[in-house]
C-alpha atoms as a PDB file:
ATOM      1  CA  MET A   1     -54.929-137.351  39.502  1.00  0.00           C
ATOM      2  CA  SER A   2     -57.798-134.722  38.738  1.00  0.00           C
ATOM      3  CA  PHE A   3     -61.464-134.872  39.825  1.00  0.00           C
ATOM      4  CA  THR A   4     -62.990-136.370  36.287  1.00  0.00           C
ATOM      5  CA  PRO A   5     -66.665-135.737  36.005  1.00  0.00           C
ATOM      6  CA  GLU A   6     -67.672-139.518  36.713  1.00  0.00           C
ATOM      7  CA  LEU A   7     -65.624-139.140  40.193  1.00  0.00           C
ATOM      8  CA  VAL A   8     -67.392-135.971  40.891  1.00  0.00           C
ATOM      9  CA  ALA A   9     -70.821-137.894  40.283  1.00  0.00           C
ATOM     10  CA  GLU A  10     -69.313-141.271  42.642  1.00  0.00           C
ATOM     11  CA  LEU A  11     -68.733-138.479  45.296  1.00  0.00           C
ATOM     12  CA  GLU A  12     -72.097-136.738  44.749  1.00  0.00           C
ATOM     13  CA  ILE A  13     -73.732-140.415  45.117  1.00  0.00           C
ATOM     14  CA  LEU A  14     -71.506-140.864  48.426  1.00  0.00           C
ATOM     15  CA  ALA A  15     -72.512-137.397  49.851  1.00  0.00           C
ATOM     16  CA  LEU A  16     -76.121-138.731  49.493  1.00  0.00           C
ATOM     17  CA  PHE A  17     -76.024-141.399  52.450  1.00  0.00           C
ATOM     18  CA  ASN A  18     -77.166-140.832  55.911  1.00  0.00           C
ATOM     19  CA  LEU A  19     -73.944-141.636  57.928  1.00  0.00           C
ATOM     20  CA  GLY A  20     -75.810-141.413  61.342  1.00  0.00           C
ATOM     21  CA  ASN A  21     -77.862-144.275  60.304  1.00  0.00           C
ATOM     22  CA  THR A  22     -75.801-147.165  58.798  1.00  0.00           C
ATOM     23  CA  GLN A  23     -79.374-149.350  58.105  1.00  0.00           C
ATOM     24  CA  GLU A  24     -81.039-146.396  55.628  1.00  0.00           C
ATOM     25  CA  GLY A  25     -79.671-147.034  51.959  1.00  0.00           C
ATOM     26  CA  LEU A  26     -80.178-145.820  49.016  1.00  0.00           C
ATOM     27  CA  LYS A  27     -82.072-145.754  45.415  1.00  0.00           C
ATOM     28  CA  VAL A  28     -80.894-144.566  42.664  1.00  0.00           C
ATOM     29  CA  HIS A  29     -83.925-144.885  40.633  1.00  0.00           C
ATOM     30  CA  HIS A  30     -83.824-145.985  36.376  1.00  0.00           C
ATOM     31  CA  SER A  31     -85.571-142.852  35.962  1.00  0.00           C
ATOM     32  CA  ALA A  32     -82.224-141.078  37.749  1.00  0.00           C
ATOM     33  CA  ALA A  33     -79.394-139.142  35.706  1.00  0.00           C
ATOM     34  CA  PRO A  34     -77.202-140.667  33.620  1.00  0.00           C
ATOM     35  CA  GLN A  35     -74.258-139.861  35.879  1.00  0.00           C
ATOM     36  CA  ALA A  36     -75.855-141.240  38.368  1.00  0.00           C
ATOM     37  CA  ILE A  37     -76.670-144.585  37.351  1.00  0.00           C
ATOM     38  CA  ALA A  38     -73.458-144.769  36.015  1.00  0.00           C
ATOM     39  CA  ALA A  39     -71.755-143.331  39.115  1.00  0.00           C
ATOM     40  CA  ALA A  40     -73.999-146.085  41.480  1.00  0.00           C
ATOM     41  CA  LYS A  41     -72.616-148.831  39.400  1.00  0.00           C
ATOM     42  CA  SER A  42     -68.951-147.837  39.658  1.00  0.00           C
ATOM     43  CA  LEU A  43     -69.140-147.395  43.050  1.00  0.00           C
ATOM     44  CA  HIS A  44     -70.958-151.302  43.207  1.00  0.00           C
ATOM     45  CA  ASP A  45     -68.340-152.422  41.052  1.00  0.00           C
ATOM     46  CA  LYS A  46     -65.525-150.611  43.411  1.00  0.00           C
ATOM     47  CA  GLY A  47     -67.060-152.606  46.285  1.00  0.00           C
ATOM     48  CA  LEU A  48     -68.718-149.380  47.986  1.00  0.00           C
ATOM     49  CA  ILE A  49     -72.213-150.333  47.790  1.00  0.00           C
ATOM     50  CA  SER A  50     -74.300-153.380  48.246  1.00  0.00           C
ATOM     51  CA  LEU A  51     -75.860-153.381  44.635  1.00  0.00           C
ATOM     52  CA  PRO A  52     -75.672-151.460  41.421  1.00  0.00           C
ATOM     53  CA  ASP A  53     -78.490-149.198  41.572  1.00  0.00           C
ATOM     54  CA  GLY A  54     -77.816-148.364  45.396  1.00  0.00           C
ATOM     55  CA  GLY A  55     -78.363-150.837  48.040  1.00  0.00           C
ATOM     56  CA  TYR A  56     -76.341-150.176  51.418  1.00  0.00           C
ATOM     57  CA  LEU A  57     -72.585-148.831  52.123  1.00  0.00           C
ATOM     58  CA  THR A  58     -69.806-151.352  52.334  1.00  0.00           C
ATOM     59  CA  SER A  59     -67.194-150.772  55.085  1.00  0.00           C
ATOM     60  CA  LEU A  60     -65.066-149.636  52.647  1.00  0.00           C
ATOM     61  CA  GLY A  61     -68.349-147.470  51.070  1.00  0.00           C
ATOM     62  CA  LEU A  62     -68.666-146.143  54.798  1.00  0.00           C
ATOM     63  CA  ASP A  63     -64.862-145.338  54.797  1.00  0.00           C
ATOM     64  CA  ALA A  64     -65.091-143.422  51.699  1.00  0.00           C
ATOM     65  CA  ALA A  65     -68.537-141.750  52.512  1.00  0.00           C
ATOM     66  CA  GLU A  66     -67.084-140.342  55.797  1.00  0.00           C
ATOM     67  CA  HIS A  67     -63.960-138.589  53.751  1.00  0.00           C
ATOM     68  CA  ALA A  68     -66.067-137.843  51.003  1.00  0.00           C
ATOM     69  CA  GLN A  69     -68.842-136.010  53.316  1.00  0.00           C
ATOM     70  CA  ALA A  70     -65.760-134.542  55.318  1.00  0.00           C
ATOM     71  CA  LEU A  71     -64.278-133.186  52.267  1.00  0.00           C
ATOM     72  CA  LEU A  72     -67.494-131.407  51.190  1.00  0.00           C
ATOM     73  CA  THR A  73     -68.030-129.726  54.626  1.00  0.00           C
ATOM     74  CA  ILE A  74     -64.165-128.414  54.585  1.00  0.00           C
ATOM     75  CA  LEU A  75     -64.898-126.927  51.294  1.00  0.00           C
ATOM     76  CA  SER A  76     -68.190-125.586  52.168  1.00  0.00           C
ATOM     77  CA  VAL A  77     -67.009-124.162  55.006  1.00  0.00           C
ATOM     78  CA  ALA A  78     -63.838-122.504  53.314  1.00  0.00           C
ATOM     79  CA  GLU A  79     -65.853-120.893  50.697  1.00  0.00           C
ATOM     80  CA  THR A  80     -68.263-118.971  53.973  1.00  0.00           C
ATOM     81  CA  ALA A  81     -64.875-117.901  55.694  1.00  0.00           C
END
């Protein structure tokens, strides 16, 4: 399995969530990039976020966002080392 553009777009959406405040949601506006709109819908279809245009992380979504953001942090640190 490889990182497809669709998966990368989903990871980018997950990286936008504030993990320090689970009551803070996200809204993907209709004027957003088509990739972001499709990614939000896909995340909703997979049960990771509460609404097709964002909303809040589900329990599974919180786990996924934590992993996605941790991976991003690890890879970012590796770039600067």
